[in-house]
PDB file of all heavy atoms in Angstrom:
ATOM      1  N   ALA A   1       0.054   7.897   2.572  1.00  0.00           N
ATOM      2  CA  ALA A   1       1.220   7.447   3.349  1.00  0.00           C
ATOM      3  C   ALA A   1       1.084   5.839   3.651  1.00  0.00           C
ATOM      4  O   ALA A   1       2.011   5.150   3.427  1.00  0.00           O
ATOM      5  CB  ALA A   1       1.433   8.144   4.611  1.00  0.00           C
ATOM      6  N   ILE A   2      -0.165   5.527   4.084  1.00  0.00           N
ATOM      7  CA  ILE A   2      -0.425   4.097   4.443  1.00  0.00           C
ATOM      8  C   ILE A   2      -0.226   3.326   3.143  1.00  0.00           C
ATOM      9  O   ILE A   2       0.385   2.130   3.104  1.00  0.00           O
ATOM     10  CB  ILE A   2      -1.770   3.946   4.929  1.00  0.00           C
ATOM     11  CG1 ILE A   2      -1.902   4.689   6.294  1.00  0.00           C
ATOM     12  CG2 ILE A   2      -2.226   2.484   5.024  1.00  0.00           C
ATOM     13  CD1 ILE A   2      -3.386   4.769   6.837  1.00  0.00           C
ATOM     14  N   LYS A   3      -0.824   3.745   2.045  1.00  0.00           N
ATOM     15  CA  LYS A   3      -0.621   2.976   0.751  1.00  0.00           C
ATOM     16  C   LYS A   3       0.828   2.761   0.310  1.00  0.00           C
ATOM     17  O   LYS A   3       1.269   1.738  -0.031  1.00  0.00           O
ATOM     18  CB  LYS A   3      -1.323   3.749  -0.457  1.00  0.00           C
ATOM     19  CG  LYS A   3      -2.826   3.703  -0.346  1.00  0.00           C
ATOM     20  CD  LYS A   3      -3.333   4.320  -1.728  1.00  0.00           C
ATOM     21  CE  LYS A   3      -4.863   4.340  -1.650  1.00  0.00           C
ATOM     22  NZ  LYS A   3      -5.351   5.103  -2.885  1.00  0.00           N
ATOM     23  N   GLY A   4       1.642   3.957   0.533  1.00  0.00           N
ATOM     24  CA  GLY A   4       2.994   3.749   0.159  1.00  0.00           C
ATOM     25  C   GLY A   4       3.770   2.655   1.013  1.00  0.00           C
ATOM     26  O   GLY A   4       4.621   1.878   0.596  1.00  0.00           O
ATOM     27  N   PHE A   5       3.450   2.592   2.275  1.00  0.00           N
ATOM     28  CA  PHE A   5       4.019   1.765   3.223  1.00  0.00           C
ATOM     29  C   PHE A   5       3.614   0.288   2.939  1.00  0.00           C
ATOM     30  O   PHE A   5       4.448  -0.683   2.622  1.00  0.00           O
ATOM     31  CB  PHE A   5       3.682   1.964   4.687  1.00  0.00           C
ATOM     32  CG  PHE A   5       4.179   1.146   5.712  1.00  0.00           C
ATOM     33  CD1 PHE A   5       5.363   1.481   6.413  1.00  0.00           C
ATOM     34  CD2 PHE A   5       3.610   0.007   5.966  1.00  0.00           C
ATOM     35  CE1 PHE A   5       5.909   0.620   7.351  1.00  0.00           C
ATOM     36  CE2 PHE A   5       4.111  -0.952   7.094  1.00  0.00           C
ATOM     37  CZ  PHE A   5       5.194  -0.590   7.672  1.00  0.00           C
ATOM     38  N   CYS A   6       2.276   0.184   2.760  1.00  0.00           N
ATOM     39  CA  CYS A   6       1.721  -1.270   2.624  1.00  0.00           C
ATOM     40  C   CYS A   6       2.125  -1.826   1.129  1.00  0.00           C
ATOM     41  O   CYS A   6       2.515  -2.959   1.076  1.00  0.00           O
ATOM     42  CB  CYS A   6       0.221  -1.208   2.759  1.00  0.00           C
ATOM     43  SG  CYS A   6      -0.466  -0.926   4.501  1.00  0.00           S
ATOM     44  N   GLU A   7       2.118  -1.079   0.174  1.00  0.00           N
ATOM     45  CA  GLU A   7       2.318  -1.467  -1.199  1.00  0.00           C
ATOM     46  C   GLU A   7       3.770  -1.972  -1.335  1.00  0.00           C
ATOM     47  O   GLU A   7       4.102  -2.934  -2.021  1.00  0.00           O
ATOM     48  CB  GLU A   7       2.000  -0.445  -2.301  1.00  0.00           C
ATOM     49  CG  GLU A   7       0.459  -0.296  -2.318  1.00  0.00           C
ATOM     50  CD  GLU A   7      -0.016   0.906  -3.307  1.00  0.00           C
ATOM     51  OE1 GLU A   7       0.818   1.533  -4.014  1.00  0.00           O
ATOM     52  OE2 GLU A   7      -1.149   1.104  -3.356  1.00  0.00           O
ATOM     53  N   TYR A   8       4.671  -1.267  -0.641  1.00  0.00           N
ATOM     54  CA  TYR A   8       6.105  -1.627  -0.701  1.00  0.00           C
ATOM     55  C   TYR A   8       6.309  -3.053  -0.135  1.00  0.00           C
ATOM     56  O   TYR A   8       6.930  -3.938  -0.617  1.00  0.00           O
ATOM     57  CB  TYR A   8       7.080  -0.614  -0.074  1.00  0.00           C
ATOM     58  CG  TYR A   8       8.440  -0.999  -0.118  1.00  0.00           C
ATOM     59  CD1 TYR A   8       9.256  -0.734  -1.171  1.00  0.00           C
ATOM     60  CD2 TYR A   8       9.020  -1.771   0.966  1.00  0.00           C
ATOM     61  CE1 TYR A   8      10.684  -1.045  -1.098  1.00  0.00           C
ATOM     62  CE2 TYR A   8      10.362  -2.056   0.967  1.00  0.00           C
ATOM     63  CZ  TYR A   8      11.046  -1.770  -0.116  1.00  0.00           C
ATOM     64  OH  TYR A   8      12.496  -2.312  -0.160  1.00  0.00           O
ATOM     65  N   LEU A   9       5.719  -3.215   1.064  1.00  0.00           N
ATOM     66  CA  LEU A   9       6.010  -4.472   1.818  1.00  0.00           C
ATOM     67  C   LEU A   9       5.187  -5.596   1.191  1.00  0.00           C
ATOM     68  O   LEU A   9       5.603  -6.733   1.244  1.00  0.00           O
ATOM     69  CB  LEU A   9       5.684  -4.286   3.257  1.00  0.00           C
ATOM     70  CG  LEU A   9       6.823  -3.417   4.097  1.00  0.00           C
ATOM     71  CD1 LEU A   9       6.286  -3.336   5.509  1.00  0.00           C
ATOM     72  CD2 LEU A   9       8.153  -4.073   4.000  1.00  0.00           C
ATOM     73  N   GLU A  10       3.981  -5.272   0.687  1.00  0.00           N
ATOM     74  CA  GLU A  10       3.236  -6.345   0.062  1.00  0.00           C
ATOM     75  C   GLU A  10       3.961  -6.898  -1.179  1.00  0.00           C
ATOM     76  O   GLU A  10       3.998  -8.063  -1.444  1.00  0.00           O
ATOM     77  CB  GLU A  10       1.885  -5.772  -0.381  1.00  0.00           C
ATOM     78  CG  GLU A  10       0.894  -6.867  -0.840  1.00  0.00           C
ATOM     79  CD  GLU A  10      -0.507  -6.263  -1.205  1.00  0.00           C
ATOM     80  OE1 GLU A  10      -0.552  -5.118  -1.771  1.00  0.00           O
ATOM     81  OE2 GLU A  10      -1.591  -6.752  -0.906  1.00  0.00           O
ATOM     82  N   ALA A  11       4.555  -5.879  -1.975  1.00  0.00           N
ATOM     83  CA  ALA A  11       5.425  -6.410  -3.086  1.00  0.00           C
ATOM     84  C   ALA A  11       6.568  -7.243  -2.711  1.00  0.00           C
ATOM     85  O   ALA A  11       7.128  -8.087  -3.432  1.00  0.00           O
ATOM     86  CB  ALA A  11       5.884  -5.169  -3.906  1.00  0.00           C
ATOM     87  N   LYS A  12       6.964  -7.018  -1.408  1.00  0.00           N
ATOM     88  CA  LYS A  12       8.237  -7.871  -0.932  1.00  0.00           C
ATOM     89  C   LYS A  12       7.704  -9.227  -0.245  1.00  0.00           C
ATOM     90  O   LYS A  12       8.585  -9.928   0.148  1.00  0.00           O
ATOM     91  CB  LYS A  12       8.968  -7.059   0.165  1.00  0.00           C
ATOM     92  CG  LYS A  12       9.688  -5.877  -0.358  1.00  0.00           C
ATOM     93  CD  LYS A  12      10.975  -6.387  -1.143  1.00  0.00           C
ATOM     94  CE  LYS A  12      11.826  -5.098  -1.463  1.00  0.00           C
ATOM     95  NZ  LYS A  12      13.009  -5.566  -2.261  1.00  0.00           N
ATOM     96  N   GLY A  13       6.462  -9.473  -0.382  1.00  0.00           N
ATOM     97  CA  GLY A  13       5.897 -10.701   0.197  1.00  0.00           C
ATOM     98  C   GLY A  13       5.515 -10.760   1.548  1.00  0.00           C
ATOM     99  O   GLY A  13       5.648 -11.835   2.180  1.00  0.00           O
ATOM    100  N   TYR A  14       5.030  -9.572   2.144  1.00  0.00           N
ATOM    101  CA  TYR A  14       4.733  -9.485   3.565  1.00  0.00           C
ATOM    102  C   TYR A  14       3.162  -9.335   3.635  1.00  0.00           C
ATOM    103  O   TYR A  14       2.613  -8.683   2.741  1.00  0.00           O
ATOM    104  CB  TYR A  14       5.379  -8.410   4.236  1.00  0.00           C
ATOM    105  CG  TYR A  14       6.802  -8.681   4.542  1.00  0.00           C
ATOM    106  CD1 TYR A  14       7.825  -8.321   3.528  1.00  0.00           C
ATOM    107  CD2 TYR A  14       7.266  -9.443   5.547  1.00  0.00           C
ATOM    108  CE1 TYR A  14       9.222  -8.683   3.709  1.00  0.00           C
ATOM    109  CE2 TYR A  14       8.655  -9.751   5.835  1.00  0.00           C
ATOM    110  CZ  TYR A  14       9.467  -9.444   4.757  1.00  0.00           C
ATOM    111  OH  TYR A  14      10.889  -9.700   5.089  1.00  0.00           O
ATOM    112  N   TYR A  15       2.572  -9.920   4.594  1.00  0.00           N
ATOM    113  CA  TYR A  15       1.108  -9.514   5.031  1.00  0.00           C
ATOM    114  C   TYR A  15       1.129  -8.380   5.899  1.00  0.00           C
ATOM    115  O   TYR A  15       1.627  -8.316   7.028  1.00  0.00           O
ATOM    116  CB  TYR A  15       0.662 -10.756   5.856  1.00  0.00           C
ATOM    117  CG  TYR A  15      -0.827 -10.784   6.101  1.00  0.00           C
ATOM    118  CD1 TYR A  15      -1.665 -11.598   5.578  1.00  0.00           C
ATOM    119  CD2 TYR A  15      -1.327  -9.849   7.078  1.00  0.00           C
ATOM    120  CE1 TYR A  15      -2.999 -11.614   5.831  1.00  0.00           C
ATOM    121  CE2 TYR A  15      -2.631  -9.923   7.418  1.00  0.00           C
ATOM    122  CZ  TYR A  15      -3.526 -10.747   6.788  1.00  0.00           C
ATOM    123  OH  TYR A  15      -4.835 -10.706   7.142  1.00  0.00           O
ATOM    124  N   VAL A  16       0.620  -7.247   5.325  1.00  0.00           N
ATOM    125  CA  VAL A  16       0.554  -5.956   6.010  1.00  0.00           C
ATOM    126  C   VAL A  16      -0.768  -5.669   6.473  1.00  0.00           C
ATOM    127  O   VAL A  16      -1.850  -6.100   6.120  1.00  0.00           O
ATOM    128  CB  VAL A  16       1.056  -4.842   5.112  1.00  0.00           C
ATOM    129  CG1 VAL A  16       2.543  -4.976   4.866  1.00  0.00           C
ATOM    130  CG2 VAL A  16       0.276  -4.861   3.812  1.00  0.00           C
ATOM    131  N   CYS A  17      -0.773  -4.843   7.637  1.00  0.00           N
ATOM    132  CA  CYS A  17      -2.091  -4.446   8.276  1.00  0.00           C
ATOM    133  C   CYS A  17      -1.820  -2.949   8.779  1.00  0.00           C
ATOM    134  O   CYS A  17      -0.740  -2.476   8.765  1.00  0.00           O
ATOM    135  CB  CYS A  17      -2.533  -5.338   9.241  1.00  0.00           C
ATOM    136  SG  CYS A  17      -1.726  -5.248  10.903  1.00  0.00           S
ATOM    137  N   ILE A  18      -2.896  -2.377   9.158  1.00  0.00           N
ATOM    138  CA  ILE A  18      -2.958  -0.979   9.700  1.00  0.00           C
ATOM    139  C   ILE A  18      -3.339  -1.049  11.138  1.00  0.00           C
ATOM    140  O   ILE A  18      -4.401  -1.469  11.449  1.00  0.00           O
ATOM    141  CB  ILE A  18      -3.993  -0.143   8.851  1.00  0.00           C
ATOM    142  CG1 ILE A  18      -3.658  -0.275   7.329  1.00  0.00           C
ATOM    143  CG2 ILE A  18      -3.907   1.331   9.194  1.00  0.00           C
ATOM    144  CD1 ILE A  18      -4.767   0.253   6.490  1.00  0.00           C
ATOM    145  N   TYR A  19      -2.522  -0.320  11.989  1.00  0.00           N
ATOM    146  CA  TYR A  19      -2.890  -0.203  13.366  1.00  0.00           C
ATOM    147  C   TYR A  19      -3.254   1.286  13.584  1.00  0.00           C
ATOM    148  O   TYR A  19      -2.689   2.266  13.115  1.00  0.00           O
ATOM    149  CB  TYR A  19      -1.733  -0.466  14.344  1.00  0.00           C
ATOM    150  CG  TYR A  19      -1.914  -0.092  15.662  1.00  0.00           C
ATOM    151  CD1 TYR A  19      -2.541  -0.950  16.550  1.00  0.00           C
ATOM    152  CD2 TYR A  19      -1.681   1.257  16.120  1.00  0.00           C
ATOM    153  CE1 TYR A  19      -2.763  -0.467  17.927  1.00  0.00           C
ATOM    154  CE2 TYR A  19      -1.888   1.625  17.518  1.00  0.00           C
ATOM    155  CZ  TYR A  19      -2.332   0.766  18.429  1.00  0.00           C
ATOM    156  OH  TYR A  19      -2.679   1.105  19.589  1.00  0.00           O
ATOM    157  N   ALA A  20      -4.490   1.397  14.228  1.00  0.00           N
ATOM    158  CA  ALA A  20      -4.912   2.764  14.723  1.00  0.00           C
ATOM    159  C   ALA A  20      -6.069   2.419  15.733  1.00  0.00           C
ATOM    160  O   ALA A  20      -6.639   1.422  15.897  1.00  0.00           O
ATOM    161  CB  ALA A  20      -5.493   3.585  13.535  1.00  0.00           C
ATOM    162  N   ASN A  21      -6.511   3.527  16.475  1.00  0.00           N
ATOM    163  CA  ASN A  21      -7.565   3.449  17.254  1.00  0.00           C
ATOM    164  C   ASN A  21      -8.839   3.739  16.500  1.00  0.00           C
ATOM    165  O   ASN A  21      -8.758   4.168  15.358  1.00  0.00           O
ATOM    166  CB  ASN A  21      -7.465   4.270  18.483  1.00  0.00           C
ATOM    167  CG  ASN A  21      -7.466   5.826  18.169  1.00  0.00           C
ATOM    168  OD1 ASN A  21      -8.145   6.328  17.366  1.00  0.00           O
ATOM    169  ND2 ASN A  21      -6.603   6.563  18.983  1.00  0.00           N
ATOM    170  N   SER A  22      -9.974   3.460  17.072  1.00  0.00           N
ATOM    171  CA  SER A  22     -11.333   3.628  16.323  1.00  0.00           C
ATOM    172  C   SER A  22     -11.431   4.987  15.758  1.00  0.00           C
ATOM    173  O   SER A  22     -11.999   5.262  14.641  1.00  0.00           O
ATOM    174  CB  SER A  22     -12.446   3.191  17.240  1.00  0.00           C
ATOM    175  OG  SER A  22     -12.302   1.801  17.527  1.00  0.00           O
ATOM    176  N   ASN A  23     -11.055   5.958  16.523  1.00  0.00           N
ATOM    177  CA  ASN A  23     -11.222   7.402  16.108  1.00  0.00           C
ATOM    178  C   ASN A  23     -10.374   7.736  14.964  1.00  0.00           C
ATOM    179  O   ASN A  23     -10.758   8.401  14.043  1.00  0.00           O
ATOM    180  CB  ASN A  23     -10.920   8.304  17.296  1.00  0.00           C
ATOM    181  CG  ASN A  23     -10.936   9.829  16.874  1.00  0.00           C
ATOM    182  OD1 ASN A  23     -11.957  10.328  16.432  1.00  0.00           O
ATOM    183  ND2 ASN A  23      -9.854  10.375  17.092  1.00  0.00           N
ATOM    184  N   TRP A  24      -9.102   7.223  14.899  1.00  0.00           N
ATOM    185  CA  TRP A  24      -8.253   7.489  13.784  1.00  0.00           C
ATOM    186  C   TRP A  24      -8.724   6.781  12.587  1.00  0.00           C
ATOM    187  O   TRP A  24      -8.671   7.442  11.368  1.00  0.00           O
ATOM    188  CB  TRP A  24      -6.788   7.062  14.113  1.00  0.00           C
ATOM    189  CG  TRP A  24      -6.109   8.209  14.733  1.00  0.00           C
ATOM    190  CD1 TRP A  24      -6.148   8.619  16.065  1.00  0.00           C
ATOM    191  CD2 TRP A  24      -5.073   8.992  14.056  1.00  0.00           C
ATOM    192  NE1 TRP A  24      -5.341   9.635  16.226  1.00  0.00           N
ATOM    193  CE2 TRP A  24      -4.605   9.935  15.105  1.00  0.00           C
ATOM    194  CE3 TRP A  24      -4.545   8.968  12.868  1.00  0.00           C
ATOM    195  CZ2 TRP A  24      -3.601  10.847  14.737  1.00  0.00           C
ATOM    196  CZ3 TRP A  24      -3.499   9.984  12.625  1.00  0.00           C
ATOM    197  CH2 TRP A  24      -2.977  10.907  13.562  1.00  0.00           C
ATOM    198  N   PHE A  25      -9.281   5.533  12.642  1.00  0.00           N
ATOM    199  CA  PHE A  25      -9.735   4.862  11.563  1.00  0.00           C
ATOM    200  C   PHE A  25     -10.908   5.598  10.910  1.00  0.00           C
ATOM    201  O   PHE A  25     -10.975   5.758   9.673  1.00  0.00           O
ATOM    202  CB  PHE A  25     -10.228   3.383  11.881  1.00  0.00           C
ATOM    203  CG  PHE A  25      -9.209   2.493  11.820  1.00  0.00           C
ATOM    204  CD1 PHE A  25      -8.823   1.643  12.999  1.00  0.00           C
ATOM    205  CD2 PHE A  25      -8.422   2.178  10.683  1.00  0.00           C
ATOM    206  CE1 PHE A  25      -7.856   0.731  12.914  1.00  0.00           C
ATOM    207  CE2 PHE A  25      -7.462   1.156  10.645  1.00  0.00           C
ATOM    208  CZ  PHE A  25      -7.205   0.537  11.796  1.00  0.00           C
ATOM    209  N   LYS A  26     -11.804   6.320  11.733  1.00  0.00           N
ATOM    210  CA  LYS A  26     -12.960   6.931  11.283  1.00  0.00           C
ATOM    211  C   LYS A  26     -12.596   8.365  10.699  1.00  0.00           C
ATOM    212  O   LYS A  26     -13.122   8.664   9.671  1.00  0.00           O
ATOM    213  CB  LYS A  26     -13.955   7.106  12.458  1.00  0.00           C
ATOM    214  CG  LYS A  26     -15.174   7.792  12.102  1.00  0.00           C
ATOM    215  CD  LYS A  26     -16.225   7.933  13.331  1.00  0.00           C
ATOM    216  CE  LYS A  26     -17.461   8.582  12.838  1.00  0.00           C
ATOM    217  NZ  LYS A  26     -18.302   8.707  14.049  1.00  0.00           N
ATOM    218  N   ASN A  27     -11.695   9.114  11.416  1.00  0.00           N
ATOM    219  CA  ASN A  27     -11.603  10.581  11.015  1.00  0.00           C
ATOM    220  C   ASN A  27     -10.347  10.945  10.368  1.00  0.00           C
ATOM    221  O   ASN A  27     -10.215  12.079   9.955  1.00  0.00           O
ATOM    222  CB  ASN A  27     -11.677  11.332  12.389  1.00  0.00           C
ATOM    223  CG  ASN A  27     -13.033  11.247  12.952  1.00  0.00           C
ATOM    224  OD1 ASN A  27     -14.134  11.398  12.234  1.00  0.00           O
ATOM    225  ND2 ASN A  27     -13.232  10.831  14.275  1.00  0.00           N
ATOM    226  N   TYR A  28      -9.280  10.040  10.369  1.00  0.00           N
ATOM    227  CA  TYR A  28      -7.875  10.426   9.812  1.00  0.00           C
ATOM    228  C   TYR A  28      -7.490   9.717   8.634  1.00  0.00           C
ATOM    229  O   TYR A  28      -6.394   9.847   8.183  1.00  0.00           O
ATOM    230  CB  TYR A  28      -7.007  10.342  10.969  1.00  0.00           C
ATOM    231  CG  TYR A  28      -7.192  11.370  12.096  1.00  0.00           C
ATOM    232  CD1 TYR A  28      -7.886  11.062  13.204  1.00  0.00           C
ATOM    233  CD2 TYR A  28      -6.689  12.841  11.987  1.00  0.00           C
ATOM    234  CE1 TYR A  28      -8.062  12.023  14.214  1.00  0.00           C
ATOM    235  CE2 TYR A  28      -6.929  13.622  12.903  1.00  0.00           C
ATOM    236  CZ  TYR A  28      -7.628  13.300  14.081  1.00  0.00           C
ATOM    237  OH  TYR A  28      -7.967  14.192  15.058  1.00  0.00           O
ATOM    238  N   MET A  29      -8.319   8.777   8.201  1.00  0.00           N
ATOM    239  CA  MET A  29      -7.887   8.055   6.977  1.00  0.00           C
ATOM    240  C   MET A  29      -9.218   7.712   6.131  1.00  0.00           C
ATOM    241  O   MET A  29     -10.132   7.664   6.629  1.00  0.00           O
ATOM    242  CB  MET A  29      -7.061   6.784   7.152  1.00  0.00           C
ATOM    243  CG  MET A  29      -7.704   5.755   8.029  1.00  0.00           C
ATOM    244  SD  MET A  29      -6.747   4.339   8.549  1.00  0.00           S
ATOM    245  CE  MET A  29      -5.907   5.170  10.033  1.00  0.00           C
ATOM    246  N   ASP A  30      -8.990   7.442   4.873  1.00  0.00           N
ATOM    247  CA  ASP A  30     -10.233   7.060   3.952  1.00  0.00           C
ATOM    248  C   ASP A  30     -10.205   5.544   3.779  1.00  0.00           C
ATOM    249  O   ASP A  30      -9.509   4.972   2.985  1.00  0.00           O
ATOM    250  CB  ASP A  30     -10.105   7.717   2.619  1.00  0.00           C
ATOM    251  CG  ASP A  30     -11.283   7.474   1.684  1.00  0.00           C
ATOM    252  OD1 ASP A  30     -12.158   6.692   2.154  1.00  0.00           O
ATOM    253  OD2 ASP A  30     -11.276   8.039   0.679  1.00  0.00           O
ATOM    254  N   LEU A  31     -10.940   4.843   4.604  1.00  0.00           N
ATOM    255  CA  LEU A  31     -10.957   3.430   4.566  1.00  0.00           C
ATOM    256  C   LEU A  31     -11.516   2.749   3.311  1.00  0.00           C
ATOM    257  O   LEU A  31     -11.151   1.650   2.940  1.00  0.00           O
ATOM    258  CB  LEU A  31     -11.914   2.858   5.777  1.00  0.00           C
ATOM    259  CG  LEU A  31     -11.218   2.989   7.131  1.00  0.00           C
ATOM    260  CD1 LEU A  31     -12.229   2.480   8.243  1.00  0.00           C
ATOM    261  CD2 LEU A  31      -9.916   2.231   7.254  1.00  0.00           C
ATOM    262  N   SER A  32     -12.285   3.634   2.540  1.00  0.00           N
ATOM    263  CA  SER A  32     -12.760   3.032   1.238  1.00  0.00           C
ATOM    264  C   SER A  32     -11.558   2.749   0.313  1.00  0.00           C
ATOM    265  O   SER A  32     -11.737   2.112  -0.720  1.00  0.00           O
ATOM    266  CB  SER A  32     -13.757   4.039   0.529  1.00  0.00           C
ATOM    267  OG  SER A  32     -13.015   5.232   0.161  1.00  0.00           O
ATOM    268  N   GLN A  33     -10.344   3.410   0.577  1.00  0.00           N
ATOM    269  CA  GLN A  33      -9.196   3.174  -0.326  1.00  0.00           C
ATOM    270  C   GLN A  33      -8.301   2.132   0.194  1.00  0.00           C
ATOM    271  O   GLN A  33      -7.209   1.756  -0.263  1.00  0.00           O
ATOM    272  CB  GLN A  33      -8.436   4.600  -0.465  1.00  0.00           C
ATOM    273  CG  GLN A  33      -9.259   5.600  -1.122  1.00  0.00           C
ATOM    274  CD  GLN A  33      -8.353   6.890  -1.198  1.00  0.00           C
ATOM    275  OE1 GLN A  33      -7.285   6.883  -1.647  1.00  0.00           O
ATOM    276  NE2 GLN A  33      -9.006   8.004  -0.837  1.00  0.00           N
ATOM    277  N   LEU A  34      -8.698   1.601   1.438  1.00  0.00           N
ATOM    278  CA  LEU A  34      -7.831   0.695   2.087  1.00  0.00           C
ATOM    279  C   LEU A  34      -8.466  -0.597   2.403  1.00  0.00           C
ATOM    280  O   LEU A  34      -8.048  -1.322   3.329  1.00  0.00           O
ATOM    281  CB  LEU A  34      -7.197   1.388   3.379  1.00  0.00           C
ATOM    282  CG  LEU A  34      -6.557   2.664   3.241  1.00  0.00           C
ATOM    283  CD1 LEU A  34      -6.384   3.381   4.555  1.00  0.00           C
ATOM    284  CD2 LEU A  34      -5.243   2.477   2.625  1.00  0.00           C
ATOM    285  N   THR A  35      -9.473  -0.972   1.742  1.00  0.00           N
ATOM    286  CA  THR A  35     -10.249  -2.106   2.024  1.00  0.00           C
ATOM    287  C   THR A  35      -9.449  -3.521   1.881  1.00  0.00           C
ATOM    288  O   THR A  35      -9.777  -4.462   2.572  1.00  0.00           O
ATOM    289  CB  THR A  35     -11.526  -2.208   1.180  1.00  0.00           C
ATOM    290  OG1 THR A  35     -11.134  -2.231  -0.327  1.00  0.00           O
ATOM    291  CG2 THR A  35     -12.554  -1.049   1.425  1.00  0.00           C
ATOM    292  N   LYS A  36      -8.536  -3.509   1.092  1.00  0.00           N
ATOM    293  CA  LYS A  36      -7.630  -4.686   0.989  1.00  0.00           C
ATOM    294  C   LYS A  36      -6.864  -5.039   2.099  1.00  0.00           C
ATOM    295  O   LYS A  36      -6.296  -6.191   2.165  1.00  0.00           O
ATOM    296  CB  LYS A  36      -6.770  -4.584  -0.404  1.00  0.00           C
ATOM    297  CG  LYS A  36      -5.655  -3.623  -0.330  1.00  0.00           C
ATOM    298  CD  LYS A  36      -4.899  -3.536  -1.638  1.00  0.00           C
ATOM    299  CE  LYS A  36      -4.145  -4.870  -2.002  1.00  0.00           C
ATOM    300  NZ  LYS A  36      -3.267  -4.673  -3.117  1.00  0.00           N
TER     301      LYS A  36
END
């Protein structure tokens, strides 16, 4: 879901980022796929 959101807006010329708390970054997403 994060990829879908970020890739769409990146293609539109936006600087995108991900907001979450430390627990969500660690346990609810795969950061190795979101390093960019």
